[in-house]
Amino acid sequence: MESRDYLFKVLVIGNGHVGKTSLVHRYVNEKFNKNYKITVGVDFALKVLAWSDTETVRLQLWDIAGQERFTSMTRIYYKEASGCIIMFDVTDACSFRNVRSWKEDLDSKATLPGGNPLPCILLANKCDLSPWDVPLSSIEQFSKVNGFIGWMDTSVKDNKNISESINFLVERMMTVSRQGEPWLEQDGGKIKLDSPRREPSERSCC
């Protein structure tokens, strides 16, 4: 059977200090460091997955600085993106409120080739901390109303739901790529982790 490679550019956006850089390093390098320099502009990372016996997925993760929403640079960064992760900090209600602006900025500047919105997941990070400033019901409703394909509570520190959430996004990007669109509607609810598909293996990373 013929093998196939997929290249997906995935944006990682949201306010500063919500854990975007930590997420990328945890996912790509399987490490956590609570002390990272503030991202200026954009950083890049690559993750290569053996998605199936005949499919290889190459993820370009674009870690975009939290202040970039207020500049015109995001249009350049968003170009040719395949999917997006928007993060907020569950202990910082302001970072949750600003998700709407990030999503609106994304939808106004980046679409799939057919004009549909990019597949986008919402990650409620730092779920290991308490108290939460954002109720679960608010996250659920917000995700459904604002066009996310799903959301998940995550802890980069504890490595909770990181690979599972990103694999969910990859699955949706693969579906779009295989079908060449049309876009498949999603209800935007909490991501279910009981999928029967096996975990993809890592071929290499840098």
N, C-alpha and C. Protein backbone atom coordinates (compact mmCIF):
# COMPACT_ATOMS: atom_id res chain seq x y z
N MET A 1 0.84 -1.19 0.00
CA MET A 1 0.00 0.00 0.00
C MET A 1 0.88 1.25 0.00
N GLU A 2 0.49 2.22 -0.77
CA GLU A 2 1.29 3.44 -0.90
C GLU A 2 1.28 4.24 0.40
N SER A 3 2.48 4.71 0.79
CA SER A 3 2.58 5.52 1.99
C SER A 3 2.31 6.99 1.65
N ARG A 4 1.93 7.75 2.66
CA ARG A 4 1.60 9.14 2.43
C ARG A 4 2.07 9.98 3.61
N ASP A 5 2.62 11.14 3.30
CA ASP A 5 3.05 12.09 4.32
C ASP A 5 2.09 13.27 4.37
N TYR A 6 1.80 13.72 5.58
CA TYR A 6 0.96 14.91 5.78
C TYR A 6 1.78 15.94 6.53
N LEU A 7 1.72 17.18 6.08
CA LEU A 7 2.38 18.28 6.76
C LEU A 7 1.30 19.26 7.24
N PHE A 8 1.22 19.46 8.55
CA PHE A 8 0.22 20.34 9.12
C PHE A 8 0.90 21.45 9.93
N LYS A 9 0.53 22.67 9.63
CA LYS A 9 0.97 23.82 10.42
C LYS A 9 -0.10 24.09 11.48
N VAL A 10 0.29 24.00 12.73
CA VAL A 10 -0.65 24.17 13.84
C VAL A 10 -0.25 25.41 14.64
N LEU A 11 -1.18 26.34 14.78
CA LEU A 11 -0.96 27.54 15.56
C LEU A 11 -1.26 27.28 17.03
N VAL A 12 -0.44 27.82 17.92
CA VAL A 12 -0.68 27.74 19.36
C VAL A 12 -0.79 29.17 19.86
N ILE A 13 -2.01 29.61 20.20
CA ILE A 13 -2.23 31.01 20.52
C ILE A 13 -3.01 31.17 21.82
N GLY A 14 -3.01 32.38 22.33
CA GLY A 14 -3.67 32.70 23.59
C GLY A 14 -2.86 33.75 24.33
N ASN A 15 -3.39 34.23 25.44
CA ASN A 15 -2.69 35.23 26.25
C ASN A 15 -1.31 34.75 26.68
N GLY A 16 -0.46 35.68 27.08
CA GLY A 16 0.82 35.31 27.65
C GLY A 16 0.64 34.61 28.98
N HIS A 17 1.59 33.76 29.33
CA HIS A 17 1.65 33.08 30.63
C HIS A 17 0.55 32.03 30.83
N VAL A 18 -0.08 31.57 29.76
CA VAL A 18 -1.09 30.51 29.93
C VAL A 18 -0.50 29.12 29.72
N GLY A 19 0.76 29.05 29.23
CA GLY A 19 1.42 27.75 29.09
C GLY A 19 1.65 27.29 27.67
N LYS A 20 1.62 28.20 26.71
CA LYS A 20 1.77 27.80 25.30
C LYS A 20 3.16 27.21 25.03
N THR A 21 4.20 27.90 25.47
CA THR A 21 5.56 27.41 25.25
C THR A 21 5.79 26.10 25.99
N SER A 22 5.28 26.03 27.22
CA SER A 22 5.41 24.79 28.01
C SER A 22 4.70 23.63 27.32
N LEU A 23 3.54 23.91 26.72
CA LEU A 23 2.80 22.88 25.99
C LEU A 23 3.63 22.33 24.84
N VAL A 24 4.20 23.22 24.05
CA VAL A 24 4.98 22.79 22.88
C VAL A 24 6.17 21.96 23.32
N HIS A 25 6.88 22.41 24.36
CA HIS A 25 8.05 21.67 24.82
C HIS A 25 7.65 20.33 25.44
N ARG A 26 6.55 20.30 26.16
CA ARG A 26 6.08 19.04 26.74
C ARG A 26 5.74 18.05 25.63
N TYR A 27 5.01 18.52 24.62
CA TYR A 27 4.56 17.63 23.55
C TYR A 27 5.70 17.16 22.67
N VAL A 28 6.61 18.07 22.33
CA VAL A 28 7.69 17.73 21.40
C VAL A 28 8.85 17.04 22.09
N ASN A 29 9.26 17.56 23.24
CA ASN A 29 10.46 17.06 23.91
C ASN A 29 10.17 16.20 25.14
N GLU A 30 8.88 16.09 25.50
CA GLU A 30 8.46 15.31 26.67
C GLU A 30 9.14 15.79 27.94
N LYS A 31 9.29 17.11 28.04
CA LYS A 31 9.92 17.72 29.21
C LYS A 31 9.08 18.90 29.68
N PHE A 32 9.21 19.22 30.97
CA PHE A 32 8.53 20.40 31.52
C PHE A 32 9.52 21.23 32.30
N ASN A 33 9.50 22.52 32.04
CA ASN A 33 10.31 23.48 32.78
C ASN A 33 9.42 24.67 33.09
N LYS A 34 9.28 24.99 34.35
CA LYS A 34 8.36 26.07 34.73
C LYS A 34 8.92 27.45 34.40
N ASN A 35 10.18 27.52 34.04
CA ASN A 35 10.81 28.80 33.73
C ASN A 35 11.18 28.88 32.25
N TYR A 36 10.40 29.63 31.49
CA TYR A 36 10.70 29.87 30.08
C TYR A 36 10.76 31.36 29.84
N LYS A 37 11.62 31.75 28.91
CA LYS A 37 11.66 33.15 28.51
C LYS A 37 10.38 33.48 27.76
N ILE A 38 9.91 34.70 27.89
CA ILE A 38 8.71 35.13 27.19
C ILE A 38 8.95 35.07 25.69
N THR A 39 8.01 34.45 24.98
CA THR A 39 8.14 34.35 23.52
C THR A 39 8.00 35.73 22.90
N VAL A 40 8.92 36.05 22.01
CA VAL A 40 8.88 37.30 21.25
C VAL A 40 8.59 36.93 19.79
N GLY A 41 7.45 37.38 19.28
CA GLY A 41 7.08 37.04 17.91
C GLY A 41 6.54 35.63 17.84
N VAL A 42 7.36 34.71 17.35
CA VAL A 42 6.91 33.33 17.20
C VAL A 42 8.09 32.37 17.31
N ASP A 43 7.87 31.23 17.92
CA ASP A 43 8.84 30.13 17.97
C ASP A 43 8.26 28.94 17.22
N PHE A 44 9.14 28.05 16.80
CA PHE A 44 8.72 26.91 15.99
C PHE A 44 9.22 25.61 16.61
N ALA A 45 8.47 24.55 16.39
CA ALA A 45 8.90 23.21 16.79
C ALA A 45 8.29 22.20 15.83
N LEU A 46 8.95 21.06 15.70
CA LEU A 46 8.49 20.02 14.78
C LEU A 46 8.31 18.71 15.52
N LYS A 47 7.20 18.04 15.23
CA LYS A 47 6.92 16.72 15.78
C LYS A 47 6.52 15.81 14.63
N VAL A 48 7.16 14.65 14.53
CA VAL A 48 6.86 13.70 13.46
C VAL A 48 6.23 12.45 14.08
N LEU A 49 5.04 12.09 13.57
CA LEU A 49 4.29 10.96 14.11
C LEU A 49 4.09 9.89 13.04
N ALA A 50 4.27 8.63 13.42
CA ALA A 50 3.85 7.51 12.58
C ALA A 50 2.38 7.28 12.88
N TRP A 51 1.52 7.95 12.10
CA TRP A 51 0.09 7.96 12.41
C TRP A 51 -0.55 6.60 12.15
N SER A 52 -0.11 5.93 11.13
CA SER A 52 -0.56 4.57 10.83
C SER A 52 0.58 3.87 10.09
N ASP A 53 0.34 2.65 9.65
CA ASP A 53 1.38 1.91 8.95
C ASP A 53 1.76 2.57 7.63
N THR A 54 0.86 3.37 7.08
CA THR A 54 1.12 3.99 5.77
C THR A 54 1.09 5.51 5.81
N GLU A 55 0.87 6.10 6.99
CA GLU A 55 0.71 7.55 7.07
C GLU A 55 1.68 8.16 8.09
N THR A 56 2.41 9.17 7.66
CA THR A 56 3.30 9.93 8.53
C THR A 56 2.79 11.35 8.63
N VAL A 57 2.70 11.85 9.85
CA VAL A 57 2.23 13.22 10.08
C VAL A 57 3.39 14.06 10.60
N ARG A 58 3.62 15.18 9.94
CA ARG A 58 4.64 16.13 10.39
C ARG A 58 3.92 17.39 10.86
N LEU A 59 4.06 17.68 12.15
CA LEU A 59 3.40 18.84 12.74
C LEU A 59 4.40 19.97 12.93
N GLN A 60 4.11 21.10 12.32
CA GLN A 60 4.84 22.33 12.60
C GLN A 60 4.04 23.10 13.64
N LEU A 61 4.56 23.23 14.82
CA LEU A 61 3.87 23.93 15.91
C LEU A 61 4.41 25.36 16.00
N TRP A 62 3.52 26.32 15.79
CA TRP A 62 3.89 27.73 15.83
C TRP A 62 3.41 28.33 17.15
N ASP A 63 4.34 28.58 18.03
CA ASP A 63 4.07 29.15 19.34
C ASP A 63 4.11 30.68 19.20
N ILE A 64 2.94 31.30 19.19
CA ILE A 64 2.84 32.74 18.90
C ILE A 64 2.70 33.53 20.19
N ALA A 65 3.49 34.58 20.31
CA ALA A 65 3.54 35.37 21.54
C ALA A 65 2.18 35.95 21.89
N GLY A 66 1.91 36.04 23.19
CA GLY A 66 0.62 36.49 23.66
C GLY A 66 0.25 37.90 23.27
N GLN A 67 1.24 38.77 23.08
CA GLN A 67 0.94 40.15 22.72
C GLN A 67 0.67 40.33 21.23
N GLU A 68 0.85 39.28 20.43
CA GLU A 68 0.74 39.43 18.98
C GLU A 68 -0.68 39.69 18.50
N ARG A 69 -1.68 39.41 19.34
CA ARG A 69 -3.06 39.68 18.94
C ARG A 69 -3.28 41.16 18.66
N PHE A 70 -2.45 42.00 19.25
CA PHE A 70 -2.63 43.43 19.12
C PHE A 70 -1.82 44.03 17.96
N THR A 71 -1.22 43.18 17.14
CA THR A 71 -0.44 43.66 16.01
C THR A 71 -0.99 43.07 14.72
N SER A 72 -0.44 43.56 13.62
CA SER A 72 -0.85 43.05 12.31
C SER A 72 -0.07 41.82 11.90
N MET A 73 0.87 41.38 12.74
CA MET A 73 1.74 40.27 12.36
C MET A 73 1.02 38.93 12.31
N THR A 74 -0.10 38.82 13.04
CA THR A 74 -0.76 37.52 13.08
C THR A 74 -1.20 37.06 11.70
N ARG A 75 -1.55 37.97 10.82
CA ARG A 75 -1.96 37.57 9.47
C ARG A 75 -0.84 36.80 8.77
N ILE A 76 0.39 37.22 8.98
CA ILE A 76 1.54 36.53 8.39
C ILE A 76 1.74 35.19 9.07
N TYR A 77 1.66 35.16 10.40
CA TYR A 77 1.88 33.91 11.13
C TYR A 77 0.81 32.87 10.82
N TYR A 78 -0.43 33.32 10.60
CA TYR A 78 -1.53 32.39 10.39
C TYR A 78 -1.55 31.80 8.98
N LYS A 79 -0.80 32.34 8.07
CA LYS A 79 -0.87 31.94 6.66
C LYS A 79 -0.59 30.45 6.49
N GLU A 80 -1.47 29.78 5.74
CA GLU A 80 -1.34 28.36 5.39
C GLU A 80 -1.42 27.43 6.60
N ALA A 81 -2.04 27.89 7.67
CA ALA A 81 -2.23 27.01 8.83
C ALA A 81 -3.28 25.95 8.54
N SER A 82 -3.12 24.79 9.17
CA SER A 82 -4.06 23.67 9.01
C SER A 82 -4.98 23.52 10.20
N GLY A 83 -4.55 24.02 11.36
CA GLY A 83 -5.34 23.88 12.57
C GLY A 83 -4.80 24.80 13.64
N CYS A 84 -5.50 24.84 14.77
CA CYS A 84 -5.13 25.79 15.81
C CYS A 84 -5.47 25.25 17.20
N ILE A 85 -4.63 25.62 18.16
CA ILE A 85 -4.86 25.39 19.57
C ILE A 85 -4.94 26.76 20.25
N ILE A 86 -6.05 27.04 20.93
CA ILE A 86 -6.15 28.25 21.73
C ILE A 86 -6.17 27.85 23.19
N MET A 87 -5.29 28.46 23.98
CA MET A 87 -5.16 28.09 25.39
C MET A 87 -5.55 29.25 26.30
N PHE A 88 -6.02 28.88 27.48
CA PHE A 88 -6.19 29.85 28.55
C PHE A 88 -5.86 29.18 29.86
N ASP A 89 -5.73 29.99 30.90
CA ASP A 89 -5.38 29.53 32.24
C ASP A 89 -6.65 29.50 33.08
N VAL A 90 -7.01 28.34 33.61
CA VAL A 90 -8.27 28.22 34.35
C VAL A 90 -8.28 29.05 35.63
N THR A 91 -7.11 29.49 36.09
CA THR A 91 -7.05 30.32 37.29
C THR A 91 -7.01 31.81 36.95
N ASP A 92 -7.15 32.14 35.67
CA ASP A 92 -7.08 33.53 35.21
C ASP A 92 -8.28 33.80 34.29
N ALA A 93 -9.33 34.35 34.84
CA ALA A 93 -10.55 34.58 34.08
C ALA A 93 -10.33 35.51 32.90
N CYS A 94 -9.39 36.44 33.02
CA CYS A 94 -9.10 37.37 31.93
C CYS A 94 -8.58 36.62 30.70
N SER A 95 -7.74 35.63 30.93
CA SER A 95 -7.21 34.87 29.80
C SER A 95 -8.32 34.10 29.09
N PHE A 96 -9.36 33.69 29.84
CA PHE A 96 -10.51 33.02 29.23
C PHE A 96 -11.35 34.01 28.44
N ARG A 97 -11.59 35.18 28.99
CA ARG A 97 -12.38 36.19 28.29
C ARG A 97 -11.72 36.60 26.98
N ASN A 98 -10.40 36.62 26.96
CA ASN A 98 -9.69 37.03 25.75
C ASN A 98 -9.65 35.96 24.66
N VAL A 99 -10.07 34.74 25.01
CA VAL A 99 -10.13 33.69 23.98
C VAL A 99 -11.03 34.11 22.83
N ARG A 100 -12.11 34.80 23.13
CA ARG A 100 -13.02 35.24 22.07
C ARG A 100 -12.29 36.11 21.04
N SER A 101 -11.46 37.03 21.54
CA SER A 101 -10.72 37.91 20.63
C SER A 101 -9.71 37.12 19.80
N TRP A 102 -9.06 36.16 20.43
CA TRP A 102 -8.12 35.32 19.69
C TRP A 102 -8.84 34.53 18.59
N LYS A 103 -9.99 33.97 18.93
CA LYS A 103 -10.73 33.18 17.94
C LYS A 103 -11.25 34.06 16.81
N GLU A 104 -11.74 35.24 17.12
CA GLU A 104 -12.22 36.14 16.09
C GLU A 104 -11.08 36.59 15.18
N ASP A 105 -9.91 36.85 15.77
CA ASP A 105 -8.74 37.23 14.99
C ASP A 105 -8.34 36.09 14.06
N LEU A 106 -8.35 34.88 14.59
CA LEU A 106 -8.01 33.71 13.78
C LEU A 106 -8.98 33.54 12.62
N ASP A 107 -10.28 33.57 12.91
CA ASP A 107 -11.29 33.32 11.88
C ASP A 107 -11.28 34.40 10.80
N SER A 108 -10.87 35.60 11.16
CA SER A 108 -10.87 36.70 10.18
C SER A 108 -9.64 36.66 9.28
N LYS A 109 -8.61 35.91 9.69
CA LYS A 109 -7.34 35.96 8.95
C LYS A 109 -6.91 34.62 8.38
N ALA A 110 -7.52 33.52 8.81
CA ALA A 110 -7.09 32.20 8.34
C ALA A 110 -8.29 31.29 8.15
N THR A 111 -8.37 30.65 7.01
CA THR A 111 -9.42 29.68 6.72
C THR A 111 -8.82 28.50 5.96
N LEU A 112 -9.58 27.44 5.86
CA LEU A 112 -9.21 26.34 4.98
C LEU A 112 -9.34 26.80 3.53
N PRO A 113 -8.73 26.07 2.58
CA PRO A 113 -8.78 26.49 1.18
C PRO A 113 -10.19 26.74 0.66
N GLY A 114 -11.18 26.01 1.16
CA GLY A 114 -12.55 26.19 0.71
C GLY A 114 -13.29 27.31 1.41
N GLY A 115 -12.61 27.98 2.36
CA GLY A 115 -13.22 29.09 3.06
C GLY A 115 -13.80 28.77 4.42
N ASN A 116 -13.78 27.50 4.82
CA ASN A 116 -14.29 27.12 6.14
C ASN A 116 -13.28 27.44 7.23
N PRO A 117 -13.74 27.59 8.48
CA PRO A 117 -12.81 27.88 9.59
C PRO A 117 -11.81 26.74 9.81
N LEU A 118 -10.65 27.09 10.34
CA LEU A 118 -9.67 26.07 10.69
C LEU A 118 -10.20 25.21 11.84
N PRO A 119 -9.89 23.91 11.83
CA PRO A 119 -10.19 23.10 13.02
C PRO A 119 -9.43 23.69 14.21
N CYS A 120 -10.13 23.95 15.30
CA CYS A 120 -9.52 24.63 16.43
C CYS A 120 -10.01 24.00 17.73
N ILE A 121 -9.07 23.65 18.63
CA ILE A 121 -9.43 23.13 19.93
C ILE A 121 -9.13 24.17 21.00
N LEU A 122 -9.89 24.10 22.09
CA LEU A 122 -9.73 25.01 23.21
C LEU A 122 -9.17 24.22 24.39
N LEU A 123 -8.02 24.65 24.91
CA LEU A 123 -7.40 23.96 26.03
C LEU A 123 -7.47 24.81 27.29
N ALA A 124 -8.09 24.25 28.32
CA ALA A 124 -8.21 24.89 29.63
C ALA A 124 -7.04 24.42 30.48
N ASN A 125 -5.95 25.16 30.43
CA ASN A 125 -4.69 24.70 31.03
C ASN A 125 -4.58 25.04 32.52
N LYS A 126 -3.62 24.38 33.16
CA LYS A 126 -3.32 24.53 34.59
C LYS A 126 -4.47 23.99 35.45
N CYS A 127 -5.08 22.90 34.97
CA CYS A 127 -6.21 22.33 35.71
C CYS A 127 -5.77 21.67 37.01
N ASP A 128 -4.43 21.54 37.22
CA ASP A 128 -3.93 20.99 38.47
C ASP A 128 -3.96 22.01 39.60
N LEU A 129 -4.20 23.28 39.25
CA LEU A 129 -4.21 24.34 40.25
C LEU A 129 -5.63 24.63 40.73
N SER A 130 -5.73 25.27 41.85
CA SER A 130 -7.03 25.68 42.37
C SER A 130 -6.85 26.96 43.19
N PRO A 131 -7.93 27.76 43.32
CA PRO A 131 -9.25 27.50 42.73
C PRO A 131 -9.31 27.93 41.27
N TRP A 132 -10.24 27.33 40.53
CA TRP A 132 -10.49 27.75 39.15
C TRP A 132 -11.28 29.05 39.17
N ASP A 133 -10.94 29.95 38.25
CA ASP A 133 -11.72 31.17 38.09
C ASP A 133 -12.76 31.05 36.99
N VAL A 134 -12.78 29.91 36.30
CA VAL A 134 -13.68 29.72 35.16
C VAL A 134 -14.49 28.44 35.38
N PRO A 135 -15.82 28.52 35.46
CA PRO A 135 -16.64 27.32 35.67
C PRO A 135 -16.61 26.40 34.45
N LEU A 136 -16.70 25.11 34.71
CA LEU A 136 -16.74 24.12 33.63
C LEU A 136 -17.90 24.40 32.67
N SER A 137 -19.04 24.77 33.21
CA SER A 137 -20.21 25.02 32.36
C SER A 137 -19.97 26.18 31.40
N SER A 138 -19.23 27.18 31.84
CA SER A 138 -18.93 28.32 30.98
C SER A 138 -18.00 27.91 29.83
N ILE A 139 -17.02 27.06 30.14
CA ILE A 139 -16.10 26.59 29.10
C ILE A 139 -16.87 25.78 28.06
N GLU A 140 -17.71 24.87 28.52
CA GLU A 140 -18.49 24.01 27.62
C GLU A 140 -19.36 24.84 26.69
N GLN A 141 -20.10 25.79 27.26
CA GLN A 141 -20.99 26.61 26.45
C GLN A 141 -20.20 27.48 25.48
N PHE A 142 -19.12 28.07 25.95
CA PHE A 142 -18.31 28.94 25.11
C PHE A 142 -17.73 28.19 23.92
N SER A 143 -17.22 26.98 24.18
CA SER A 143 -16.63 26.19 23.11
C SER A 143 -17.65 25.86 22.03
N LYS A 144 -18.86 25.50 22.44
CA LYS A 144 -19.90 25.13 21.48
C LYS A 144 -20.37 26.33 20.66
N VAL A 145 -20.48 27.48 21.31
CA VAL A 145 -21.03 28.67 20.64
C VAL A 145 -20.02 29.30 19.69
N ASN A 146 -18.73 29.15 19.97
CA ASN A 146 -17.71 29.89 19.23
C ASN A 146 -16.93 29.07 18.22
N GLY A 147 -17.47 27.94 17.81
CA GLY A 147 -16.92 27.24 16.66
C GLY A 147 -15.70 26.37 16.90
N PHE A 148 -15.46 25.98 18.15
CA PHE A 148 -14.37 25.04 18.43
C PHE A 148 -14.83 23.61 18.11
N ILE A 149 -13.89 22.76 17.72
CA ILE A 149 -14.26 21.36 17.46
C ILE A 149 -14.32 20.57 18.76
N GLY A 150 -13.79 21.14 19.83
CA GLY A 150 -13.84 20.50 21.14
C GLY A 150 -12.93 21.23 22.11
N TRP A 151 -13.07 20.89 23.40
CA TRP A 151 -12.21 21.48 24.42
C TRP A 151 -11.78 20.41 25.40
N MET A 152 -10.72 20.71 26.16
CA MET A 152 -10.23 19.75 27.13
C MET A 152 -9.51 20.49 28.25
N ASP A 153 -9.68 20.00 29.49
CA ASP A 153 -8.88 20.50 30.61
C ASP A 153 -7.52 19.82 30.56
N THR A 154 -6.46 20.62 30.69
CA THR A 154 -5.10 20.10 30.55
C THR A 154 -4.22 20.61 31.68
N SER A 155 -3.17 19.87 31.93
CA SER A 155 -2.09 20.32 32.80
C SER A 155 -0.78 19.97 32.13
N VAL A 156 -0.10 20.99 31.63
CA VAL A 156 1.21 20.74 31.02
C VAL A 156 2.17 20.21 32.07
N LYS A 157 2.11 20.75 33.28
CA LYS A 157 3.00 20.32 34.35
C LYS A 157 2.84 18.83 34.63
N ASP A 158 1.60 18.36 34.73
CA ASP A 158 1.34 16.95 35.04
C ASP A 158 1.22 16.08 33.79
N ASN A 159 1.39 16.69 32.63
CA ASN A 159 1.26 15.98 31.35
C ASN A 159 -0.12 15.34 31.21
N LYS A 160 -1.14 16.08 31.62
CA LYS A 160 -2.50 15.57 31.56
C LYS A 160 -3.20 16.03 30.28
N ASN A 161 -3.66 15.07 29.50
CA ASN A 161 -4.47 15.30 28.30
C ASN A 161 -3.76 16.11 27.21
N ILE A 162 -2.44 16.13 27.21
CA ILE A 162 -1.71 16.90 26.21
C ILE A 162 -1.69 16.17 24.87
N SER A 163 -1.08 15.00 24.83
CA SER A 163 -1.03 14.24 23.57
C SER A 163 -2.43 13.88 23.09
N GLU A 164 -3.32 13.55 24.03
CA GLU A 164 -4.67 13.14 23.66
C GLU A 164 -5.42 14.27 22.94
N SER A 165 -5.28 15.49 23.45
CA SER A 165 -5.95 16.63 22.85
C SER A 165 -5.39 16.95 21.46
N ILE A 166 -4.06 16.92 21.36
CA ILE A 166 -3.45 17.24 20.07
C ILE A 166 -3.74 16.14 19.06
N ASN A 167 -3.77 14.89 19.50
CA ASN A 167 -4.14 13.80 18.59
C ASN A 167 -5.56 13.97 18.06
N PHE A 168 -6.44 14.48 18.91
CA PHE A 168 -7.81 14.76 18.49
C PHE A 168 -7.81 15.79 17.36
N LEU A 169 -7.02 16.84 17.52
CA LEU A 169 -6.91 17.86 16.47
C LEU A 169 -6.32 17.27 15.19
N VAL A 170 -5.28 16.46 15.35
CA VAL A 170 -4.65 15.84 14.17
C VAL A 170 -5.67 14.97 13.43
N GLU A 171 -6.46 14.22 14.15
CA GLU A 171 -7.48 13.37 13.53
C GLU A 171 -8.43 14.19 12.66
N ARG A 172 -8.85 15.36 13.17
CA ARG A 172 -9.75 16.21 12.40
C ARG A 172 -9.05 16.81 11.18
N MET A 173 -7.78 17.20 11.33
CA MET A 173 -7.03 17.73 10.19
C MET A 173 -6.82 16.64 9.14
N MET A 174 -6.59 15.42 9.59
CA MET A 174 -6.45 14.30 8.65
C MET A 174 -7.74 14.08 7.88
N THR A 175 -8.87 14.16 8.57
CA THR A 175 -10.17 13.99 7.92
C THR A 175 -10.37 15.04 6.84
N VAL A 176 -10.07 16.29 7.16
CA VAL A 176 -10.19 17.38 6.18
C VAL A 176 -9.27 17.13 5.00
N SER A 177 -8.04 16.70 5.26
CA SER A 177 -7.07 16.48 4.19
C SER A 177 -7.48 15.32 3.29
N ARG A 178 -7.95 14.24 3.90
CA ARG A 178 -8.35 13.07 3.11
C ARG A 178 -9.56 13.37 2.24
N GLN A 179 -10.48 14.15 2.77
CA GLN A 179 -11.71 14.45 2.04
C GLN A 179 -11.59 15.69 1.17
N GLY A 180 -10.49 16.45 1.37
CA GLY A 180 -10.33 17.69 0.64
C GLY A 180 -11.42 18.69 0.97
N GLU A 181 -11.84 18.69 2.27
CA GLU A 181 -13.06 19.35 2.69
C GLU A 181 -14.18 18.59 1.98
N PRO A 182 -15.45 18.67 2.23
CA PRO A 182 -16.11 19.67 3.06
C PRO A 182 -15.83 19.49 4.55
N TRP A 183 -16.06 20.56 5.27
CA TRP A 183 -15.86 20.59 6.71
C TRP A 183 -16.90 19.74 7.43
N LEU A 184 -16.44 18.96 8.39
CA LEU A 184 -17.35 18.16 9.20
C LEU A 184 -17.74 18.95 10.45
N GLU A 185 -19.01 19.12 10.68
CA GLU A 185 -19.47 19.87 11.84
C GLU A 185 -19.13 19.11 13.13
N GLN A 186 -18.73 19.85 14.15
CA GLN A 186 -18.46 19.30 15.47
C GLN A 186 -19.29 20.05 16.49
N ASP A 187 -19.64 19.37 17.58
CA ASP A 187 -20.51 20.04 18.55
C ASP A 187 -19.73 20.93 19.52
N GLY A 188 -18.42 20.83 19.53
CA GLY A 188 -17.61 21.70 20.36
C GLY A 188 -17.55 21.30 21.82
N GLY A 189 -18.11 20.15 22.18
CA GLY A 189 -18.12 19.71 23.57
C GLY A 189 -16.77 19.18 24.02
N LYS A 190 -16.73 18.72 25.27
CA LYS A 190 -15.48 18.22 25.82
C LYS A 190 -14.99 17.02 25.01
N ILE A 191 -13.70 17.01 24.72
CA ILE A 191 -13.11 15.95 23.91
C ILE A 191 -13.20 14.63 24.67
N LYS A 192 -13.69 13.62 23.99
CA LYS A 192 -13.81 12.29 24.59
C LYS A 192 -12.54 11.51 24.32
N LEU A 193 -12.03 10.86 25.34
CA LEU A 193 -10.75 10.17 25.24
C LEU A 193 -10.89 8.66 25.13
N ASP A 194 -12.09 8.20 24.76
CA ASP A 194 -12.33 6.76 24.68
C ASP A 194 -12.26 6.25 23.24
N SER A 195 -11.53 6.98 22.38
CA SER A 195 -11.41 6.56 20.99
C SER A 195 -10.68 5.23 20.90
N PRO A 196 -11.14 4.30 20.02
CA PRO A 196 -10.50 3.00 19.92
C PRO A 196 -9.19 3.01 19.14
N ARG A 197 -8.89 4.14 18.42
CA ARG A 197 -7.70 4.14 17.59
C ARG A 197 -6.45 4.12 18.48
N ARG A 198 -5.41 3.47 17.97
CA ARG A 198 -4.17 3.36 18.76
C ARG A 198 -3.41 4.68 18.74
N GLU A 199 -2.52 4.83 19.72
CA GLU A 199 -1.71 6.03 19.77
C GLU A 199 -0.67 5.98 18.65
N PRO A 200 -0.48 7.09 17.94
CA PRO A 200 0.58 7.13 16.94
C PRO A 200 1.93 7.08 17.62
N SER A 201 2.91 6.51 16.95
CA SER A 201 4.25 6.46 17.53
C SER A 201 5.07 7.62 17.01
N GLU A 202 6.06 7.99 17.81
CA GLU A 202 6.90 9.12 17.44
C GLU A 202 8.08 8.60 16.64
N ARG A 203 8.29 9.18 15.46
CA ARG A 203 9.45 8.77 14.65
C ARG A 203 10.68 9.60 14.94
N SER A 204 10.46 10.89 15.09
CA SER A 204 11.57 11.77 15.42
C SER A 204 11.03 13.09 15.86
N CYS A 205 11.83 13.85 16.53
CA CYS A 205 11.41 15.19 16.92
C CYS A 205 12.63 16.06 17.04
N CYS A 206 12.40 17.39 17.02
CA CYS A 206 13.52 18.30 17.17
C CYS A 206 13.01 19.59 17.79
